[in-house]
């Protein structure tokens, strides 16, 4: 409902007729009406429609801006929420508090008729507050939340819109607007993500992984110009200063030394992007300058390490942008029906593994800078990764699909941190998990449904996927010599991998990434490597 209704409305605003698009508009409208009408759009959609004027503000659950006036030591203060969450609800709370509605024109009036199964003036907006299409309902509201919203809607909101408490509402709106403006200025008006304003790409993340893949071929001399240009981009993408003002007042962590997901204009460093940026610059620094360009200055490497160390939580794990500031029980008041686990910045195997890898390489090359702190950090991070391993040996991956992705990071983090197949039960269990999911074709193919249902699920018809196969092979190769017992199965995976690469003419990054692990190989798989290299060479030629 969310996507269908918003796309339909967008097309109407852009000038498409209600029966235009060769019947597409009528089909979309019929689907919306057959599923109850736009009152069944999730809460984020209800807000957008209210701003447009095709939905009433009384049909929204409260988003009181007064939350920003609470003492910030309280667990539910927005400043303790995950930055993506708080910066989505920050402007939403302003619009809700103002009850902002755009100009009412002919299109808006027509949409009021097109989107609903009954006359607009007859809609029960109080009932509509908690309506949500079953197709969008990933995270149903618990009863406690419905009671909370009803009390705020029936009792608190009427008081806050009348004198003298309206003064409190005005003060809250002023505070919220200051935070909105701060975010604008410190992100060059991009803001943090695609929901609250805009999205400017994944450039840094893509570049560092591509460089690591190229370096993994052991053929860097063949990519000299490319590596130089990539190296320059990585260096100029590092953040050289913190956000403005007193960071605690704006609920911001340090930025200096970090790398963002996209570019420095974004203004938000990420833990794993910083770790991968550090690792990549260190790898490039070991190449001749005529191949990779000048190395990043030592003081800037130190800045990156300082930031990574500051992002470790007491549990040993790393969240995405900041420290974990509050508690998971706050998910009980998660108002977004379409998303779960968004209220706080959780700690992830991917971010923790990346931190281990970056710090371990740094400690090898610069053992005298904060050596004890780095070693202590790595030790705690290893313990964290082991502690969150699931009983079947896997890790849940939050930033890729899904158990294959998480387990790749889990194994790699443990191995880079000093664990081995022989001395780590976690590594052995993880390898057994991956091998248990290998398909008869030799490859791996995990469905996105694993992420949604939190149960490992194969792609339909047990089809393998080149990316899942690449991740699984990297993890198994990283694990080391004992995987020689399963060499035939790994070889089958390579054949499936090569075939998939040729069939879809896929990009070279995933395939080249395969060879990152060969330096850790302790057994003879030269035939496997030669076959893979030949396949990837042919693929690049195509």
Protein backbone atom coordinates (compact mmCIF):
# COMPACT_ATOMS: atom_id res chain seq x y z
CA UNK A 1 0.00 0.00 0.00
CA UNK A 2 2.78 2.43 0.94
CA UNK A 3 4.57 2.23 -2.41
CA UNK A 4 1.47 1.84 -4.56
CA UNK A 5 -0.35 4.81 -3.05
CA UNK A 6 2.67 7.13 -3.07
CA UNK A 7 3.58 6.23 -6.64
CA UNK A 8 0.00 6.73 -7.77
CA UNK A 9 -0.17 10.11 -6.07
CA UNK A 10 3.23 11.14 -7.45
CA UNK A 11 2.14 10.34 -10.99
CA UNK A 12 -1.07 12.32 -10.52
CA UNK A 13 0.89 15.32 -9.23
CA UNK A 14 3.21 15.05 -12.24
CA UNK A 15 0.24 15.37 -14.57
CA UNK A 16 -0.79 11.80 -15.31
CA UNK A 17 -4.54 11.42 -15.68
CA UNK A 18 -6.47 9.22 -13.27
CA UNK A 19 -7.09 6.76 -16.11
CA UNK A 20 -3.80 7.32 -17.94
CA UNK A 21 -0.71 5.22 -18.40
CA UNK A 22 -2.38 2.71 -20.72
CA UNK A 23 -4.53 1.47 -17.88
CA UNK A 24 -1.77 1.43 -15.24
CA UNK A 25 -3.33 4.20 -13.18
CA UNK A 26 -6.68 2.46 -13.07
CA UNK A 27 -5.03 -0.82 -12.05
CA UNK A 28 -3.13 0.90 -9.22
CA UNK A 29 -6.23 2.73 -8.01
CA UNK A 30 -8.26 -0.49 -8.11
CA UNK A 31 -5.58 -2.26 -6.05
CA UNK A 32 -5.62 0.56 -3.47
CA UNK A 33 -9.41 0.50 -3.16
CA UNK A 34 -9.59 -3.30 -3.09
CA UNK A 35 -7.22 -3.23 -0.11
CA UNK A 36 -9.31 -0.79 1.90
CA UNK A 37 -8.23 2.56 0.48
CA UNK A 38 -5.52 4.96 1.56
CA UNK A 39 -6.54 4.85 5.22
CA UNK A 40 -4.61 1.55 5.24
CA UNK A 41 -1.32 3.19 4.27
CA UNK A 42 1.36 2.80 7.01
CA UNK A 43 2.09 5.66 9.40
CA UNK A 44 4.87 7.20 7.31
CA UNK A 45 2.50 7.37 4.38
CA UNK A 46 -0.25 8.86 6.53
CA UNK A 47 2.07 11.74 7.40
CA UNK A 48 3.02 12.44 3.77
CA UNK A 49 -0.62 12.37 2.71
CA UNK A 50 -1.52 14.72 5.57
CA UNK A 51 1.08 17.26 4.42
CA UNK A 52 -0.33 17.05 0.90
CA UNK A 53 -3.89 17.53 2.15
CA UNK A 54 -5.37 14.19 1.08
CA UNK A 55 -5.48 12.78 4.61
CA UNK A 56 -6.40 14.43 7.92
CA UNK A 57 -3.92 14.96 10.73
CA UNK A 58 -6.45 13.48 13.15
CA UNK A 59 -5.83 10.16 11.40
CA UNK A 60 -2.18 10.11 12.58
CA UNK A 61 -0.86 8.71 15.82
CA UNK A 62 0.86 11.47 17.82
CA UNK A 63 4.47 12.45 17.10
CA UNK A 64 4.89 15.01 19.87
CA UNK A 65 7.87 17.35 19.36
CA UNK A 66 7.87 17.81 23.15
CA UNK A 67 9.92 14.60 23.38
CA UNK A 68 12.93 16.74 22.48
CA UNK A 69 12.41 18.77 25.68
CA UNK A 70 12.70 15.72 27.95
CA UNK A 71 15.86 15.33 30.08
CA UNK A 72 18.35 13.56 27.86
CA UNK A 73 19.20 10.96 30.50
CA UNK A 74 15.81 9.35 29.95
CA UNK A 75 16.01 6.22 27.77
CA UNK A 76 13.23 7.42 25.45
CA UNK A 77 14.81 10.77 24.65
CA UNK A 78 15.18 11.01 20.84
CA UNK A 79 18.89 11.81 21.21
CA UNK A 80 19.38 8.24 22.46
CA UNK A 81 17.75 6.70 19.41
CA UNK A 82 19.48 5.40 16.30
CA UNK A 83 20.48 8.40 14.23
CA UNK A 84 18.47 7.26 11.19
CA UNK A 85 15.39 6.86 13.36
CA UNK A 86 15.65 10.15 15.20
CA UNK A 87 16.44 12.13 12.05
CA UNK A 88 13.40 10.70 10.28
CA UNK A 89 11.07 11.47 13.16
CA UNK A 90 12.67 14.84 13.87
CA UNK A 91 11.09 16.67 10.88
CA UNK A 92 8.00 14.47 11.13
CA UNK A 93 7.42 15.73 14.66
CA UNK A 94 7.75 19.31 13.43
CA UNK A 95 5.19 18.80 10.67
CA UNK A 96 2.88 17.02 13.11
CA UNK A 97 3.23 19.75 15.73
CA UNK A 98 2.48 22.45 13.13
CA UNK A 99 -0.27 20.40 11.44
CA UNK A 100 1.23 21.64 8.21
CA UNK A 101 -0.91 21.28 5.06
CA UNK A 102 0.09 22.38 1.58
CA UNK A 103 -2.12 24.30 -0.85
CA UNK A 104 -5.44 22.62 -1.60
CA UNK A 105 -5.92 22.54 -5.36
CA UNK A 106 -7.96 20.59 -7.87
CA UNK A 107 -5.62 17.58 -7.90
CA UNK A 108 -5.73 17.33 -4.11
CA UNK A 109 -9.52 17.48 -4.09
CA UNK A 110 -9.68 14.85 -6.81
CA UNK A 111 -7.28 12.55 -4.91
CA UNK A 112 -9.56 12.76 -1.90
CA UNK A 113 -12.19 11.08 -4.06
CA UNK A 114 -9.87 8.64 -5.84
CA UNK A 115 -8.08 7.12 -2.86
CA UNK A 116 -10.91 6.12 -0.53
CA UNK A 117 -13.78 3.66 -0.47
CA UNK A 118 -16.16 6.23 1.04
CA UNK A 119 -16.74 9.96 0.94
CA UNK A 120 -13.80 11.87 2.42
CA UNK A 121 -15.96 13.72 4.98
CA UNK A 122 -17.41 10.44 6.24
CA UNK A 123 -14.07 8.76 7.06
CA UNK A 124 -13.55 7.83 10.72
CA UNK A 125 -10.08 9.29 11.18
CA UNK A 126 -9.76 8.00 14.73
CA UNK A 127 -10.27 4.47 13.44
CA UNK A 128 -7.87 5.12 10.56
CA UNK A 129 -5.00 5.93 12.95
CA UNK A 130 -4.18 2.26 13.50
CA UNK A 131 -5.24 0.82 10.16
CA UNK A 132 -2.48 -0.74 8.08
CA UNK A 133 -2.61 -3.01 5.05
CA UNK A 134 -1.52 -6.56 5.84
CA UNK A 135 0.93 -6.36 2.93
CA UNK A 136 2.80 -3.59 4.81
CA UNK A 137 2.46 -4.94 8.33
CA UNK A 138 5.91 -6.26 9.23
CA UNK A 139 5.95 -4.94 12.80
CA UNK A 140 2.43 -4.90 14.33
CA UNK A 141 1.91 -2.43 17.15
CA UNK A 142 1.80 -4.09 20.58
CA UNK A 143 -1.26 -3.33 22.69
CA UNK A 144 0.79 -1.12 25.01
CA UNK A 145 1.67 1.14 22.09
CA UNK A 146 -1.92 1.46 20.94
CA UNK A 147 -2.95 2.44 24.47
CA UNK A 148 -0.14 5.02 24.61
CA UNK A 149 -1.08 6.61 21.28
CA UNK A 150 -4.76 6.71 22.23
CA UNK A 151 -4.03 8.47 25.52
CA UNK A 152 -1.77 11.00 23.82
CA UNK A 153 -4.31 11.55 21.05
CA UNK A 154 -7.34 11.91 23.32
CA UNK A 155 -5.86 13.78 26.26
CA UNK A 156 -2.36 15.19 25.72
CA UNK A 157 -2.76 16.65 22.23
CA UNK A 158 -5.87 18.75 22.98
CA UNK A 159 -4.09 20.27 25.98
CA UNK A 160 -0.86 21.00 24.10
CA UNK A 161 -2.69 22.94 21.41
CA UNK A 162 -4.36 25.29 23.90
CA UNK A 163 -2.97 28.06 26.10
CA UNK A 164 -0.98 27.89 28.33
CA UNK A 165 0.51 24.53 27.23
CA UNK A 166 0.63 25.79 23.65
CA UNK A 167 3.70 27.72 24.80
CA UNK A 168 5.38 24.38 25.49
CA UNK A 169 4.45 23.21 22.00
CA UNK A 170 5.97 26.36 20.48
CA UNK A 171 9.15 25.90 22.49
CA UNK A 172 9.39 22.28 21.34
CA UNK A 173 8.89 23.28 17.70
CA UNK A 174 11.65 25.86 18.03
CA UNK A 175 14.02 23.25 19.49
CA UNK A 176 13.19 20.77 16.74
CA UNK A 177 13.78 23.36 14.03
CA UNK A 178 17.22 24.14 15.45
CA UNK A 179 18.14 20.48 15.23
CA UNK A 180 16.83 20.31 11.65
CA UNK A 181 18.92 23.31 10.69
CA UNK A 182 21.99 21.87 12.42
CA UNK A 183 21.64 18.67 10.42
CA UNK A 184 21.23 20.64 7.19
CA UNK A 185 24.34 22.74 7.76
CA UNK A 186 26.56 19.85 8.87
CA UNK A 187 25.60 17.60 5.96
CA UNK A 188 25.64 20.25 3.23
CA UNK A 189 21.84 19.92 3.14
CA UNK A 190 22.03 16.24 2.17
CA UNK A 191 21.07 14.86 5.60
CA UNK A 192 21.81 11.35 6.70
CA UNK A 193 19.61 9.13 4.59
CA UNK A 194 17.13 8.54 1.81
CA UNK A 195 13.97 8.91 3.89
CA UNK A 196 14.28 12.24 5.63
CA UNK A 197 15.62 14.13 2.59
CA UNK A 198 18.07 12.69 0.09
CA UNK A 199 20.67 10.06 -0.68
CA UNK A 200 23.95 10.75 -2.40
CA UNK A 201 25.20 7.23 -3.03
CA UNK A 202 27.55 4.61 -1.61
CA UNK A 203 30.75 5.82 -3.25
CA UNK A 204 33.26 5.25 -0.43
CA UNK A 205 31.92 1.81 0.40
CA UNK A 206 31.99 0.75 -3.24
CA UNK A 207 35.49 2.10 -3.84
CA UNK A 208 37.18 0.48 -0.84
CA UNK A 209 35.66 -2.93 -1.59
CA UNK A 210 36.60 -2.64 -5.26
CA UNK A 211 40.19 -1.74 -4.33
CA UNK A 212 40.41 -4.67 -1.92
CA UNK A 213 39.13 -6.96 -4.66
CA UNK A 214 41.76 -5.69 -7.12
CA UNK A 215 44.52 -6.05 -4.55
CA UNK A 216 43.34 -9.58 -3.88
CA UNK A 217 44.32 -10.60 -7.40
CA UNK A 218 47.99 -9.92 -6.59
CA UNK A 219 48.10 -8.05 -9.89
CA UNK A 220 48.02 -4.42 -8.68
CA UNK A 221 50.57 -3.26 -11.25
CA UNK A 222 47.99 -3.86 -13.96
CA UNK A 223 45.62 -1.39 -12.33
CA UNK A 224 48.04 1.42 -11.47
CA UNK A 225 46.10 4.42 -12.78
CA UNK A 226 42.84 3.10 -11.39
CA UNK A 227 44.38 2.44 -7.98
CA UNK A 228 45.93 5.90 -7.85
CA UNK A 229 42.63 7.57 -8.59
CA UNK A 230 40.76 5.36 -6.15
CA UNK A 231 43.40 6.05 -3.50
CA UNK A 232 43.02 9.79 -3.96
CA UNK A 233 39.26 9.51 -3.62
CA UNK A 234 39.59 7.50 -0.41
CA UNK A 235 42.03 10.00 1.06
CA UNK A 236 39.90 13.03 0.25
CA UNK A 237 36.80 11.26 1.59
CA UNK A 238 38.16 11.04 5.13
CA UNK A 239 36.54 13.53 7.49
CA UNK A 240 39.05 16.01 8.85
CA UNK A 241 36.97 17.65 11.57
CA UNK A 242 34.01 17.13 13.86
CA UNK A 243 30.59 18.58 13.35
CA UNK A 244 30.16 22.14 14.55
CA UNK A 245 29.27 23.23 18.05
CA UNK A 246 29.14 21.22 21.24
CA UNK A 247 28.64 17.65 20.05
CA UNK A 248 26.69 16.45 23.08
CA UNK A 249 24.18 19.25 22.68
CA UNK A 250 23.35 17.97 19.20
CA UNK A 251 23.63 14.28 20.12
CA UNK A 252 26.50 13.73 17.72
CA UNK A 253 29.52 11.47 18.08
CA UNK A 254 32.96 12.54 16.90
CA UNK A 255 33.52 12.57 13.15
CA UNK A 256 37.20 13.41 12.78
CA UNK A 257 39.17 10.61 11.16
CA UNK A 258 36.10 8.73 9.97
CA UNK A 259 34.90 7.69 6.56
CA UNK A 260 31.26 7.97 5.43
CA UNK A 261 29.19 5.58 3.36
CA UNK A 262 29.23 7.99 0.41
CA UNK A 263 31.22 11.24 0.46
CA UNK A 264 32.34 13.77 3.03
CA UNK A 265 29.38 15.97 2.06
CA UNK A 266 27.19 13.44 3.85
CA UNK A 267 28.83 14.36 7.15
CA UNK A 268 28.17 11.07 8.94
CA UNK A 269 31.06 8.62 9.52
CA UNK A 270 30.16 4.95 9.85
CA UNK A 271 32.08 2.43 11.94
CA UNK A 272 32.57 -0.21 9.26
CA UNK A 273 33.18 2.35 6.51
CA UNK A 274 35.88 3.87 8.69
CA UNK A 275 37.41 0.45 9.38
CA UNK A 276 37.33 -0.52 5.71
CA UNK A 277 38.73 2.87 4.73
CA UNK A 278 41.57 2.43 7.21
CA UNK A 279 42.28 -1.12 6.03
CA UNK A 280 42.30 -0.12 2.37
CA UNK A 281 44.62 2.84 2.86
CA UNK A 282 46.99 0.63 4.83
CA UNK A 283 46.98 -1.99 2.08
CA UNK A 284 47.65 0.65 -0.54
CA UNK A 285 50.45 2.15 1.56
CA UNK A 286 52.40 -1.08 1.15
CA UNK A 287 52.52 -0.74 -2.63
CA UNK A 288 55.09 1.36 -4.49
CA UNK A 289 53.98 4.97 -4.85
CA UNK A 290 54.24 4.75 -8.64
CA UNK A 291 51.50 2.07 -8.49
CA UNK A 292 49.16 3.38 -5.77
CA UNK A 293 50.20 6.99 -5.17
CA UNK A 294 51.29 8.59 -1.93
CA UNK A 295 50.26 6.95 1.32
CA UNK A 296 47.84 8.62 3.70
CA UNK A 297 49.61 10.72 6.33
CA UNK A 298 50.30 8.95 9.61
CA UNK A 299 48.40 11.46 11.74
CA UNK A 300 45.26 10.83 9.68
CA UNK A 301 45.63 7.09 10.24
CA UNK A 302 45.84 7.84 13.95
CA UNK A 303 42.64 9.88 13.73
CA UNK A 304 40.84 6.92 12.16
CA UNK A 305 42.07 4.56 14.86
CA UNK A 306 41.03 7.00 17.60
CA UNK A 307 37.53 7.17 16.15
CA UNK A 308 37.18 3.39 15.81
CA UNK A 309 38.29 2.86 19.40
CA UNK A 310 35.78 5.46 20.59
CA UNK A 311 32.94 3.58 18.89
CA UNK A 312 33.35 0.30 20.78
CA UNK A 313 30.55 -0.42 23.22
CA UNK A 314 31.10 -1.92 26.65
CA UNK A 315 29.93 -5.29 25.29
CA UNK A 316 32.82 -5.24 22.80
CA UNK A 317 30.55 -4.80 19.79
CA UNK A 318 30.28 -1.99 17.26
CA UNK A 319 27.07 -0.36 16.13
CA UNK A 320 26.81 1.57 12.86
CA UNK A 321 27.18 5.33 13.43
CA UNK A 322 27.38 5.84 17.17
CA UNK A 323 27.52 4.04 20.48
CA UNK A 324 24.38 2.15 21.46
CA UNK A 325 22.68 4.74 23.65
CA UNK A 326 19.53 3.07 24.91
CA UNK A 327 17.74 -0.25 25.31
CA UNK A 328 16.09 -2.73 22.98
CA UNK A 329 12.85 -2.68 24.97
CA UNK A 330 12.18 0.70 23.36
CA UNK A 331 11.12 -1.25 20.27
CA UNK A 332 7.79 -1.54 22.08
CA UNK A 333 7.12 2.06 21.01
CA UNK A 334 8.43 1.64 17.46
CA UNK A 335 5.66 3.39 15.48
CA UNK A 336 6.81 2.18 12.04
CA UNK A 337 4.72 -0.80 10.96
CA UNK A 338 7.04 -1.59 8.04
CA UNK A 339 10.36 -1.71 9.93
CA UNK A 340 11.58 -3.59 12.97
CA UNK A 341 14.59 -2.96 15.21
CA UNK A 342 15.01 0.71 14.26
CA UNK A 343 14.79 2.57 17.56
CA UNK A 344 18.36 2.12 18.77
CA UNK A 345 21.69 1.60 17.04
CA UNK A 346 22.24 -2.12 17.49
CA UNK A 347 25.64 -3.80 17.44
CA UNK A 348 26.43 -5.89 14.39
CA UNK A 349 28.75 -8.71 13.47
CA UNK A 350 29.61 -6.87 10.24
CA UNK A 351 30.69 -3.63 11.91
CA UNK A 352 32.56 -5.48 14.66
CA UNK A 353 34.38 -7.72 12.19
CA UNK A 354 35.38 -4.75 10.03
CA UNK A 355 36.77 -2.98 13.11
CA UNK A 356 38.86 -6.03 14.01
CA UNK A 357 40.26 -6.29 10.49
CA UNK A 358 41.19 -2.63 10.24
CA UNK A 359 42.71 -2.41 13.71
CA UNK A 360 44.64 -5.68 13.36
CA UNK A 361 46.36 -4.51 10.19
CA UNK A 362 47.08 -1.11 11.75
CA UNK A 363 48.56 -2.73 14.85
CA UNK A 364 50.83 -4.83 12.67
CA UNK A 365 52.17 -1.79 10.83
CA UNK A 366 52.07 0.75 13.69
CA UNK A 367 52.45 -1.28 16.91
CA UNK A 368 53.59 1.69 18.99
CA UNK A 369 50.44 3.81 18.59
CA UNK A 370 47.94 2.91 21.31
CA UNK A 371 49.05 -0.70 21.03
CA UNK A 372 47.51 -1.86 24.30
CA UNK A 373 44.23 -0.08 23.56
CA UNK A 374 44.05 -1.63 20.11
CA UNK A 375 44.79 -5.14 21.40
CA UNK A 376 42.22 -4.77 24.20
CA UNK A 377 39.64 -3.55 21.70
CA UNK A 378 40.27 -6.50 19.39
CA UNK A 379 40.01 -8.95 22.28
CA UNK A 380 36.67 -7.57 23.41
CA UNK A 381 35.40 -7.50 19.84
CA UNK A 382 36.33 -11.18 19.35
CA UNK A 383 34.44 -12.10 22.50
CA UNK A 384 31.42 -10.16 21.26
CA UNK A 385 31.36 -11.93 17.90
CA UNK A 386 31.56 -15.31 19.61
CA UNK A 387 28.82 -14.33 22.05
CA UNK A 388 26.28 -13.48 19.35
CA UNK A 389 26.89 -16.56 17.18
CA UNK A 390 23.66 -18.49 16.74
CA UNK A 391 23.28 -22.07 17.86
CA UNK A 392 23.53 -23.42 14.30
CA UNK A 393 26.93 -21.73 13.85
CA UNK A 394 25.73 -18.77 11.77
CA UNK A 395 25.50 -15.06 12.34
CA UNK A 396 22.53 -12.97 11.27
CA UNK A 397 23.64 -10.39 8.73
CA UNK A 398 21.83 -7.07 8.94
CA UNK A 399 23.42 -5.33 5.95
CA UNK A 400 23.33 -8.07 3.36
CA UNK A 401 21.47 -11.31 2.59
CA UNK A 402 21.73 -12.61 5.27
CA UNK A 403 23.13 -15.56 7.22
CA UNK A 404 25.69 -16.15 4.46
CA UNK A 405 26.73 -12.51 4.65
CA UNK A 406 26.86 -12.38 8.44
CA UNK A 407 28.76 -15.66 8.68
CA UNK A 408 31.34 -14.45 6.17
CA UNK A 409 31.99 -11.45 8.42
CA UNK A 410 31.92 -13.58 11.56
CA UNK A 411 34.53 -16.03 10.28
CA UNK A 412 36.72 -13.32 8.78
CA UNK A 413 36.69 -11.25 11.97
CA UNK A 414 37.64 -14.21 14.13
CA UNK A 415 40.42 -15.36 11.79
CA UNK A 416 41.89 -11.88 11.38
CA UNK A 417 41.71 -11.44 15.13
CA UNK A 418 43.93 -14.46 15.68
CA UNK A 419 41.52 -17.38 15.93
CA UNK A 420 42.05 -20.49 13.82
CA UNK A 421 39.98 -23.42 12.65
CA UNK A 422 41.89 -25.59 15.12
CA UNK A 423 41.53 -23.46 18.24
CA UNK A 424 38.09 -21.92 17.69
CA UNK A 425 34.87 -23.86 18.07
CA UNK A 426 33.05 -20.82 16.67
CA UNK A 427 34.99 -21.00 13.41
CA UNK A 428 34.41 -24.74 13.05
CA UNK A 429 30.67 -24.40 13.70
CA UNK A 430 30.44 -21.54 11.23
CA UNK A 431 32.17 -23.56 8.52
CA UNK A 432 29.87 -26.49 9.13
CA UNK A 433 26.90 -24.16 8.83
CA UNK A 434 28.04 -22.84 5.46
CA UNK A 435 28.81 -26.30 4.12
CA UNK A 436 25.40 -27.51 5.26
CA UNK A 437 23.78 -24.84 3.06
CA UNK A 438 25.75 -25.67 -0.08
CA UNK A 439 23.44 -26.63 -2.94
CA UNK A 440 23.84 -29.71 -5.16
CA UNK A 441 25.14 -27.41 -7.91
CA UNK A 442 28.07 -26.51 -5.64
CA UNK A 443 26.96 -22.93 -5.05
CA UNK A 444 24.96 -21.07 -2.45
CA UNK A 445 21.75 -19.16 -2.96
CA UNK A 446 20.09 -17.42 -0.01
CA UNK A 447 16.81 -15.57 -0.38
CA UNK A 448 16.04 -12.12 1.00
CA UNK A 449 13.28 -13.87 2.95
CA UNK A 450 15.97 -14.95 5.41
CA UNK A 451 16.28 -11.34 6.48
CA UNK A 452 12.55 -10.92 6.87
CA UNK A 453 11.69 -14.20 8.57
CA UNK A 454 15.01 -14.73 10.36
CA UNK A 455 15.22 -18.31 9.14
CA UNK A 456 17.71 -19.39 6.47
CA UNK A 457 15.79 -19.69 3.22
CA UNK A 458 17.06 -20.76 -0.17
CA UNK A 459 16.20 -18.90 -3.36
CA UNK A 460 13.27 -20.47 -5.17
CA UNK A 461 13.95 -23.76 -6.93
CA UNK A 462 17.25 -23.95 -5.00
CA UNK A 463 18.97 -21.68 -7.46
CA UNK A 464 22.49 -20.57 -6.59
CA UNK A 465 23.56 -16.93 -6.65
CA UNK A 466 26.97 -15.64 -7.62
CA UNK A 467 27.18 -13.20 -4.70
CA UNK A 468 26.14 -15.70 -2.01
CA UNK A 469 28.56 -18.21 -3.49
CA UNK A 470 31.37 -15.66 -3.44
CA UNK A 471 30.73 -14.77 0.21
CA UNK A 472 30.59 -18.41 1.30
CA UNK A 473 33.78 -19.29 -0.56
CA UNK A 474 35.62 -16.31 0.90
CA UNK A 475 34.61 -17.40 4.39
CA UNK A 476 35.62 -21.02 3.86
CA UNK A 477 38.94 -20.10 2.27
CA UNK A 478 39.60 -17.66 5.12
CA UNK A 479 39.00 -20.43 7.64
CA UNK A 480 42.13 -22.28 6.54
CA UNK A 481 43.61 -25.70 6.15
CA UNK A 482 41.01 -27.96 7.71
CA UNK A 483 38.62 -27.11 4.92
CA UNK A 484 40.76 -29.36 2.74
CA UNK A 485 38.42 -32.13 3.93
CA UNK A 486 35.75 -30.43 1.85
CA UNK A 487 37.93 -29.51 -1.11
CA UNK A 488 35.71 -31.32 -3.60
CA UNK A 489 32.71 -29.31 -2.44
CA UNK A 490 34.66 -26.05 -2.63
CA UNK A 491 35.75 -26.99 -6.14
CA UNK A 492 32.11 -27.63 -7.06
CA UNK A 493 31.31 -24.17 -5.75
CA UNK A 494 34.03 -22.68 -7.92
CA UNK A 495 32.60 -24.34 -11.02
CA UNK A 496 29.14 -23.04 -10.16
CA UNK A 497 30.58 -19.62 -9.41
CA UNK A 498 32.40 -19.42 -12.74
CA UNK A 499 29.34 -20.57 -14.66
CA UNK A 500 27.15 -17.99 -12.97
CA UNK A 501 29.67 -15.26 -13.71
CA UNK A 502 29.75 -16.18 -17.37
CA UNK A 503 26.00 -16.67 -17.69
CA UNK A 504 25.07 -13.27 -16.31
CA UNK A 505 28.19 -11.40 -17.41
CA UNK A 506 28.36 -10.13 -13.85
CA UNK A 507 30.69 -7.40 -12.73
CA UNK A 508 34.17 -8.45 -11.68
CA UNK A 509 34.11 -7.21 -8.10
CA UNK A 510 32.63 -10.30 -6.46
CA UNK A 511 34.74 -12.67 -8.48
CA UNK A 512 37.96 -10.78 -7.92
CA UNK A 513 37.10 -10.65 -4.25
CA UNK A 514 37.45 -14.43 -4.22
CA UNK A 515 41.20 -14.13 -4.33
CA UNK A 516 41.50 -12.02 -1.19
CA UNK A 517 41.52 -15.29 0.72
CA UNK A 518 44.21 -17.16 -1.19
CA UNK A 519 47.02 -15.68 0.87
CA UNK A 520 45.52 -17.43 3.88
CA UNK A 521 45.23 -20.78 2.13
CA UNK A 522 47.32 -23.47 3.85
CA UNK A 523 46.53 -26.24 1.45
CA UNK A 524 46.95 -26.81 -2.25
CA UNK A 525 44.07 -25.58 -4.37
CA UNK A 526 46.11 -24.31 -7.29
CA UNK A 527 43.74 -25.93 -9.75
CA UNK A 528 40.83 -24.13 -8.11
CA UNK A 529 42.64 -20.79 -8.31
CA UNK A 530 43.70 -21.25 -11.92
CA UNK A 531 40.21 -22.27 -12.99
CA UNK A 532 38.70 -19.26 -11.21
CA UNK A 533 41.27 -16.85 -12.59
CA UNK A 534 40.68 -18.15 -16.10
CA UNK A 535 36.93 -17.77 -15.71
CA UNK A 536 37.25 -14.25 -14.39
CA UNK A 537 39.70 -13.30 -17.15
CA UNK A 538 37.20 -14.49 -19.76
CA UNK A 539 34.44 -12.62 -17.99
CA UNK A 540 36.45 -9.39 -17.98
CA UNK A 541 37.16 -9.90 -21.66
CA UNK A 542 33.44 -10.09 -22.33
